[in-house]
N, C-alpha and C. Protein backbone atom coordinates (compact mmCIF):
# COMPACT_ATOMS: atom_id res chain seq x y z
N MET A 1 -34.59 -17.17 54.22
CA MET A 1 -33.67 -16.13 54.59
C MET A 1 -32.25 -16.68 54.57
N THR A 2 -31.34 -15.96 53.99
CA THR A 2 -29.94 -16.33 53.99
C THR A 2 -29.28 -15.76 55.23
N ILE A 3 -28.61 -16.60 55.98
CA ILE A 3 -27.94 -16.18 57.21
C ILE A 3 -26.48 -15.88 56.89
N LYS A 4 -26.06 -14.65 57.20
CA LYS A 4 -24.68 -14.23 56.96
C LYS A 4 -24.15 -13.55 58.21
N ARG A 5 -22.83 -13.59 58.37
CA ARG A 5 -22.20 -12.91 59.50
C ARG A 5 -22.54 -11.42 59.45
N GLY A 6 -22.95 -10.89 60.60
CA GLY A 6 -23.31 -9.48 60.68
C GLY A 6 -24.80 -9.22 60.57
N ASN A 7 -25.57 -10.20 60.09
CA ASN A 7 -27.03 -10.04 60.03
C ASN A 7 -27.60 -9.83 61.42
N VAL A 8 -28.67 -9.08 61.51
CA VAL A 8 -29.40 -8.90 62.76
C VAL A 8 -30.73 -9.62 62.59
N VAL A 9 -31.03 -10.52 63.55
CA VAL A 9 -32.20 -11.38 63.43
C VAL A 9 -32.95 -11.45 64.76
N SER A 10 -34.16 -11.97 64.69
CA SER A 10 -34.89 -12.32 65.91
C SER A 10 -35.42 -13.73 65.72
N HIS A 11 -35.61 -14.42 66.83
CA HIS A 11 -36.08 -15.81 66.81
C HIS A 11 -37.58 -15.76 67.03
N THR A 12 -38.34 -16.29 66.08
CA THR A 12 -39.80 -16.17 66.13
C THR A 12 -40.42 -16.94 67.29
N GLU A 13 -39.73 -17.96 67.80
CA GLU A 13 -40.29 -18.77 68.89
C GLU A 13 -39.70 -18.43 70.25
N ALA A 14 -38.79 -17.45 70.31
CA ALA A 14 -38.17 -17.08 71.58
C ALA A 14 -37.94 -15.57 71.62
N GLN A 15 -39.01 -14.82 71.63
CA GLN A 15 -38.93 -13.36 71.63
C GLN A 15 -38.22 -12.82 72.87
N GLU A 16 -38.25 -13.59 73.98
CA GLU A 16 -37.62 -13.14 75.22
C GLU A 16 -36.09 -13.03 75.09
N TRP A 17 -35.50 -13.65 74.07
CA TRP A 17 -34.06 -13.54 73.85
C TRP A 17 -33.68 -12.17 73.32
N GLY A 18 -34.63 -11.48 72.74
CA GLY A 18 -34.35 -10.19 72.12
C GLY A 18 -33.80 -10.37 70.71
N VAL A 19 -33.21 -9.33 70.20
CA VAL A 19 -32.65 -9.34 68.84
C VAL A 19 -31.22 -9.86 68.93
N GLY A 20 -30.78 -10.56 67.89
CA GLY A 20 -29.43 -11.12 67.90
C GLY A 20 -28.63 -10.73 66.69
N LYS A 21 -27.32 -10.75 66.86
CA LYS A 21 -26.41 -10.46 65.76
C LYS A 21 -25.63 -11.73 65.45
N VAL A 22 -25.61 -12.13 64.18
CA VAL A 22 -24.91 -13.34 63.75
C VAL A 22 -23.40 -13.06 63.80
N VAL A 23 -22.68 -13.86 64.59
CA VAL A 23 -21.25 -13.67 64.73
C VAL A 23 -20.42 -14.71 63.98
N GLU A 24 -21.05 -15.85 63.65
CA GLU A 24 -20.34 -16.89 62.90
C GLU A 24 -21.35 -17.78 62.20
N VAL A 25 -21.00 -18.23 61.00
CA VAL A 25 -21.86 -19.14 60.25
C VAL A 25 -21.00 -20.28 59.72
N THR A 26 -21.44 -21.51 59.95
CA THR A 26 -20.80 -22.70 59.38
C THR A 26 -21.87 -23.42 58.57
N PRO A 27 -21.51 -24.45 57.83
CA PRO A 27 -22.54 -25.17 57.06
C PRO A 27 -23.64 -25.79 57.93
N LEU A 28 -23.35 -26.05 59.22
CA LEU A 28 -24.32 -26.73 60.07
C LEU A 28 -25.05 -25.83 61.07
N LYS A 29 -24.48 -24.66 61.38
CA LYS A 29 -25.10 -23.81 62.40
C LYS A 29 -24.63 -22.37 62.31
N ALA A 30 -25.40 -21.51 62.97
CA ALA A 30 -25.03 -20.10 63.09
C ALA A 30 -24.90 -19.78 64.57
N THR A 31 -23.86 -19.02 64.91
CA THR A 31 -23.66 -18.57 66.27
C THR A 31 -24.18 -17.14 66.35
N ILE A 32 -25.11 -16.90 67.29
CA ILE A 32 -25.78 -15.61 67.36
C ILE A 32 -25.70 -15.06 68.78
N GLN A 33 -25.26 -13.81 68.90
CA GLN A 33 -25.23 -13.12 70.19
C GLN A 33 -26.54 -12.37 70.34
N PHE A 34 -27.35 -12.79 71.33
CA PHE A 34 -28.65 -12.16 71.55
C PHE A 34 -28.56 -11.05 72.58
N SER A 35 -29.53 -10.17 72.57
CA SER A 35 -29.56 -9.02 73.46
C SER A 35 -29.66 -9.39 74.93
N ASP A 36 -30.07 -10.62 75.24
CA ASP A 36 -30.15 -11.04 76.64
C ASP A 36 -28.79 -11.43 77.20
N GLY A 37 -27.74 -11.34 76.37
CA GLY A 37 -26.39 -11.60 76.82
C GLY A 37 -25.91 -13.01 76.59
N ILE A 38 -26.72 -13.86 76.01
CA ILE A 38 -26.33 -15.25 75.78
C ILE A 38 -26.06 -15.48 74.30
N ILE A 39 -24.97 -16.17 74.03
CA ILE A 39 -24.64 -16.55 72.66
C ILE A 39 -25.22 -17.94 72.45
N ARG A 40 -26.02 -18.08 71.40
CA ARG A 40 -26.67 -19.36 71.12
C ARG A 40 -26.28 -19.84 69.73
N LYS A 41 -26.24 -21.16 69.58
CA LYS A 41 -25.95 -21.78 68.29
C LYS A 41 -27.26 -22.36 67.75
N ILE A 42 -27.64 -21.91 66.58
CA ILE A 42 -28.88 -22.34 65.94
C ILE A 42 -28.52 -23.25 64.76
N ALA A 43 -29.07 -24.45 64.76
CA ALA A 43 -28.81 -25.40 63.67
C ALA A 43 -29.40 -24.88 62.37
N SER A 44 -28.73 -25.17 61.28
CA SER A 44 -29.19 -24.70 59.97
C SER A 44 -30.59 -25.20 59.65
N SER A 45 -30.97 -26.34 60.21
CA SER A 45 -32.32 -26.86 59.99
C SER A 45 -33.38 -26.00 60.66
N HIS A 46 -32.98 -25.10 61.55
CA HIS A 46 -33.92 -24.23 62.26
C HIS A 46 -33.83 -22.76 61.82
N TYR A 47 -33.15 -22.51 60.71
CA TYR A 47 -33.05 -21.13 60.21
C TYR A 47 -34.42 -20.53 59.90
N THR A 48 -35.40 -21.38 59.64
CA THR A 48 -36.74 -20.86 59.33
C THR A 48 -37.37 -20.17 60.54
N THR A 49 -36.85 -20.40 61.74
CA THR A 49 -37.38 -19.73 62.93
C THR A 49 -36.77 -18.34 63.12
N LEU A 50 -35.81 -17.97 62.26
CA LEU A 50 -35.19 -16.66 62.34
C LEU A 50 -35.80 -15.73 61.31
N LYS A 51 -35.97 -14.47 61.71
CA LYS A 51 -36.47 -13.47 60.77
C LYS A 51 -35.59 -12.23 60.87
N PRO A 52 -35.46 -11.48 59.78
CA PRO A 52 -34.63 -10.28 59.81
C PRO A 52 -35.17 -9.26 60.81
N ALA A 53 -34.25 -8.53 61.42
CA ALA A 53 -34.63 -7.45 62.34
C ALA A 53 -33.84 -6.20 61.95
N ALA A 54 -34.32 -5.07 62.38
CA ALA A 54 -33.64 -3.80 62.08
C ALA A 54 -32.28 -3.77 62.76
N ARG A 55 -31.26 -3.37 62.02
CA ARG A 55 -29.90 -3.33 62.56
C ARG A 55 -29.83 -2.47 63.83
N ALA A 56 -30.56 -1.39 63.86
CA ALA A 56 -30.53 -0.49 65.02
C ALA A 56 -31.21 -1.08 66.25
N SER A 57 -31.99 -2.16 66.07
CA SER A 57 -32.69 -2.76 67.20
C SER A 57 -31.80 -3.67 68.04
N PHE A 58 -30.60 -4.01 67.53
CA PHE A 58 -29.68 -4.86 68.30
C PHE A 58 -28.92 -4.00 69.30
N VAL A 59 -29.09 -4.33 70.59
CA VAL A 59 -28.36 -3.65 71.65
C VAL A 59 -27.60 -4.72 72.42
N PRO A 60 -26.27 -4.69 72.40
CA PRO A 60 -25.50 -5.72 73.11
C PRO A 60 -25.80 -5.69 74.60
N PHE A 61 -25.68 -6.84 75.23
CA PHE A 61 -25.91 -6.96 76.67
C PHE A 61 -24.89 -6.09 77.40
N PRO A 62 -25.32 -5.24 78.33
CA PRO A 62 -24.39 -4.31 78.98
C PRO A 62 -23.32 -4.98 79.84
N GLY A 63 -23.56 -6.19 80.31
CA GLY A 63 -22.60 -6.86 81.17
C GLY A 63 -21.51 -7.60 80.41
N GLY A 64 -21.45 -7.47 79.12
CA GLY A 64 -20.47 -8.20 78.33
C GLY A 64 -21.09 -9.45 77.74
N ILE A 65 -20.25 -10.27 77.18
CA ILE A 65 -20.72 -11.47 76.49
C ILE A 65 -20.75 -12.64 77.48
N ALA A 66 -21.86 -13.32 77.51
CA ALA A 66 -21.99 -14.51 78.35
C ALA A 66 -21.49 -15.72 77.58
N ALA A 67 -21.30 -16.80 78.27
CA ALA A 67 -20.82 -18.02 77.65
C ALA A 67 -21.84 -18.57 76.66
N VAL A 68 -21.36 -19.38 75.75
CA VAL A 68 -22.23 -20.02 74.78
C VAL A 68 -23.14 -21.00 75.51
N LYS A 69 -24.43 -20.88 75.26
CA LYS A 69 -25.36 -21.80 75.88
C LYS A 69 -25.44 -23.04 75.00
N ALA A 70 -25.08 -24.15 75.58
CA ALA A 70 -25.07 -25.41 74.83
C ALA A 70 -25.81 -26.47 75.64
N ARG A 71 -26.23 -27.47 74.94
CA ARG A 71 -26.87 -28.59 75.63
C ARG A 71 -25.79 -29.38 76.34
N THR A 72 -26.02 -29.66 77.60
CA THR A 72 -25.06 -30.46 78.35
C THR A 72 -25.79 -31.56 79.09
N ALA A 73 -25.07 -32.59 79.38
CA ALA A 73 -25.64 -33.69 80.16
C ALA A 73 -25.79 -33.23 81.61
N PRO A 74 -26.78 -33.75 82.31
CA PRO A 74 -26.93 -33.36 83.71
C PRO A 74 -25.71 -33.78 84.52
N ASP A 75 -25.41 -32.99 85.56
CA ASP A 75 -24.29 -33.34 86.42
C ASP A 75 -24.56 -34.65 87.14
N ARG A 76 -23.58 -35.48 87.15
CA ARG A 76 -23.71 -36.77 87.82
C ARG A 76 -22.56 -36.91 88.80
N GLN A 77 -22.89 -37.26 89.99
CA GLN A 77 -21.86 -37.48 90.99
C GLN A 77 -21.30 -38.88 90.80
N ASN A 78 -20.00 -38.98 91.05
CA ASN A 78 -19.38 -40.30 90.94
C ASN A 78 -19.89 -41.19 92.06
N GLU A 79 -20.27 -42.37 91.70
CA GLU A 79 -20.75 -43.31 92.70
C GLU A 79 -19.56 -44.10 93.24
N ILE A 80 -19.53 -44.25 94.55
CA ILE A 80 -18.48 -45.03 95.17
C ILE A 80 -18.99 -46.47 95.26
N LYS A 81 -18.28 -47.34 94.60
CA LYS A 81 -18.70 -48.74 94.58
C LYS A 81 -18.00 -49.49 95.73
N GLN A 82 -18.78 -50.22 96.44
CA GLN A 82 -18.26 -51.03 97.55
C GLN A 82 -17.87 -52.40 97.02
N PRO A 83 -16.76 -52.94 97.51
CA PRO A 83 -16.39 -54.27 97.05
C PRO A 83 -17.40 -55.31 97.51
N ALA A 84 -17.61 -56.31 96.68
CA ALA A 84 -18.53 -57.40 97.03
C ALA A 84 -17.89 -58.26 98.11
N VAL A 85 -18.66 -58.68 99.06
CA VAL A 85 -18.14 -59.50 100.17
C VAL A 85 -18.46 -60.95 99.97
């Protein structure tokens, strides 16, 4: 499947996300706004997990657009180091 801006797709391994609309495509990834309100970036190596969906099946999240979900490192608190005695 060729991924283009404006395509409506669903993710075969994450049906709970709902249907998504492709909002941006770069050589390495596609940015997709899913019906659950989260924008996700899918690597081009994982395009095979996307399948076409009916354009009318995409319903934007009613609360607006949520932030892009990205992988982040776990929060770490700064450790206070005591001087050696």
